[in-house]
Amino acid sequence: MMHLLIGAEQKKTIIVTNEQTDEAWGGSFHVLSSPALIGSVEMLCAELICDQLEAKETTVGVKFDFLHLAPTPTGRAIEIIVKLVEADEKMLTFSAEVKDTKNNTVVFKGFHKRAVVQRELFIQKILNT
């Protein structure tokens, strides 16, 4: 693994779509769902460090510790901010915060851990499962 920059940060703004709502996940409300938020945070964390890994490496999500604090309606913009806060040879820890851009309210926050794995070994593990 190359040297990772602790404190590296990435931001992304997205508009809440119908596919990301609680209703789309089997619930009753037209608001941003926790599973959609977790997926968006996970993808942004992976994007943040992908260029810092060696070609034979990748990362996989292993732990999610988040609080979903407020609803965000369909059509509203949110800003996702992730930051690499800790790294060693095998584990990366990110902080995450999501804000509703209309009122700057924090709607989601917490931590995400990703394991650094050897791509080919992981593929073999999948095939042998």
Protein backbone atom coordinates (compact mmCIF):
# COMPACT_ATOMS: atom_id res chain seq x y z
CA MET A 1 0.00 0.00 0.00
CA MET A 2 1.24 3.47 -0.84
CA HIS A 3 1.46 6.13 1.84
CA LEU A 4 -2.06 7.29 2.71
CA LEU A 5 -2.67 10.87 3.71
CA ILE A 6 -4.48 10.98 7.04
CA GLY A 7 -6.93 13.86 6.91
CA ALA A 8 -7.55 13.49 3.17
CA GLU A 9 -11.12 14.51 2.49
CA GLN A 10 -13.63 14.15 -0.31
CA LYS A 11 -17.01 15.82 -0.80
CA LYS A 12 -19.91 15.08 -3.08
CA THR A 13 -23.31 16.69 -3.49
CA ILE A 14 -26.23 14.58 -4.67
CA ILE A 15 -29.97 15.11 -5.12
CA VAL A 16 -32.21 12.62 -3.30
CA THR A 17 -34.05 10.49 -5.89
CA ASN A 18 -37.03 8.16 -5.58
CA GLU A 19 -34.68 5.16 -5.85
CA GLN A 20 -32.92 6.26 -2.63
CA THR A 21 -36.04 6.66 -0.50
CA ASP A 22 -37.31 4.71 2.46
CA GLU A 23 -40.26 3.68 0.30
CA ALA A 24 -37.93 2.16 -2.32
CA TRP A 25 -36.40 0.05 0.47
CA GLY A 26 -39.81 -1.23 1.59
CA GLY A 27 -40.76 1.56 3.99
CA SER A 28 -43.51 4.15 3.89
CA PHE A 29 -41.81 7.52 3.45
CA HIS A 30 -40.48 9.64 0.56
CA VAL A 31 -37.29 10.51 2.45
CA LEU A 32 -33.68 9.46 2.03
CA SER A 33 -33.16 5.95 3.41
CA SER A 34 -30.37 4.79 5.70
CA PRO A 35 -29.28 2.02 3.27
CA ALA A 36 -28.92 4.58 0.45
CA LEU A 37 -26.89 6.87 2.72
CA ILE A 38 -24.61 4.04 3.82
CA GLY A 39 -24.04 3.03 0.19
CA SER A 40 -23.25 6.60 -0.85
CA VAL A 41 -20.80 7.06 2.03
CA GLU A 42 -19.14 3.71 1.31
CA MET A 43 -18.67 4.56 -2.38
CA LEU A 44 -17.18 7.97 -1.59
CA CYS A 45 -14.74 6.46 0.93
CA ALA A 46 -13.62 3.92 -1.69
CA GLU A 47 -13.19 6.70 -4.26
CA LEU A 48 -11.13 8.78 -1.83
CA ILE A 49 -8.37 6.19 -1.51
CA CYS A 50 -8.55 4.19 -4.75
CA ASP A 51 -5.67 6.11 -6.36
CA GLN A 52 -3.52 5.59 -3.26
CA LEU A 53 -3.64 1.80 -3.40
CA GLU A 54 -1.33 -0.46 -5.34
CA ALA A 55 -2.83 -2.04 -8.48
CA LYS A 56 -3.11 -5.45 -6.78
CA GLU A 57 -5.05 -3.99 -3.83
CA THR A 58 -8.64 -2.99 -3.25
CA THR A 59 -10.79 -2.29 -0.21
CA VAL A 60 -13.97 -3.83 1.15
CA GLY A 61 -16.37 -2.36 3.68
CA VAL A 62 -16.27 -4.17 7.03
CA LYS A 63 -17.86 -1.89 9.62
CA PHE A 64 -20.51 0.81 9.65
CA ASP A 65 -21.25 2.93 12.74
CA PHE A 66 -23.69 5.68 11.80
CA LEU A 67 -26.48 7.76 13.27
CA HIS A 68 -29.32 8.84 10.96
CA LEU A 69 -30.40 12.07 12.65
CA ALA A 70 -33.02 13.73 10.44
CA PRO A 71 -35.21 13.06 7.39
CA THR A 72 -34.31 14.45 3.98
CA PRO A 73 -37.14 14.66 1.42
CA THR A 74 -36.95 13.59 -2.21
CA GLY A 75 -35.53 16.31 -4.46
CA ARG A 76 -33.38 17.88 -1.75
CA ALA A 77 -29.60 18.15 -2.15
CA ILE A 78 -27.25 16.63 0.41
CA GLU A 79 -23.51 17.07 0.80
CA ILE A 80 -21.51 13.99 1.80
CA ILE A 81 -18.12 14.63 3.40
CA VAL A 82 -15.75 11.75 4.15
CA LYS A 83 -12.30 11.96 5.70
CA LEU A 84 -9.58 9.35 6.23
CA VAL A 85 -8.90 9.51 9.98
CA GLU A 86 -6.82 6.37 10.62
CA ALA A 87 -4.85 3.87 8.52
CA ASP A 88 -2.61 0.88 8.99
CA GLU A 89 -1.49 -1.96 6.69
CA LYS A 90 -4.89 -3.70 6.72
CA MET A 91 -7.57 -1.29 7.94
CA LEU A 92 -8.73 2.22 7.01
CA THR A 93 -11.09 4.29 9.15
CA PHE A 94 -13.14 7.14 7.74
CA SER A 95 -15.36 9.73 9.38
CA ALA A 96 -18.48 10.72 7.50
CA GLU A 97 -20.97 13.55 7.75
CA VAL A 98 -23.96 14.25 5.55
CA LYS A 99 -25.68 17.64 5.52
CA ASP A 100 -28.98 18.79 4.07
CA THR A 101 -27.83 21.71 1.91
CA LYS A 102 -31.11 23.62 2.27
CA ASN A 103 -30.75 24.21 6.00
CA ASN A 104 -27.18 22.96 6.64
CA THR A 105 -28.54 20.35 9.09
CA VAL A 106 -26.39 17.30 9.81
CA VAL A 107 -28.66 14.39 8.86
CA PHE A 108 -26.19 11.51 9.12
CA LYS A 109 -22.80 11.03 10.77
CA GLY A 110 -20.44 8.35 11.95
CA PHE A 111 -17.54 6.12 10.97
CA HIS A 112 -16.81 3.53 8.31
CA LYS A 113 -13.99 0.96 8.22
CA ARG A 114 -12.60 -0.60 5.05
CA ALA A 115 -10.18 -3.54 4.94
CA VAL A 116 -7.32 -3.44 2.45
CA VAL A 117 -7.25 -6.77 0.58
CA GLN A 118 -5.27 -8.34 -2.22
CA ARG A 119 -7.63 -8.26 -5.21
CA GLU A 120 -6.77 -11.73 -6.63
CA LEU A 121 -6.85 -13.45 -3.24
CA PHE A 122 -10.24 -11.94 -2.53
CA ILE A 123 -11.60 -13.06 -5.90
CA GLN A 124 -10.36 -16.60 -5.16
CA LYS A 125 -12.05 -16.48 -1.77
CA ILE A 126 -15.34 -15.54 -3.46
CA LEU A 127 -15.00 -18.32 -6.03
CA ASN A 128 -14.27 -20.89 -3.32
CA THR A 129 -17.26 -19.95 -1.19
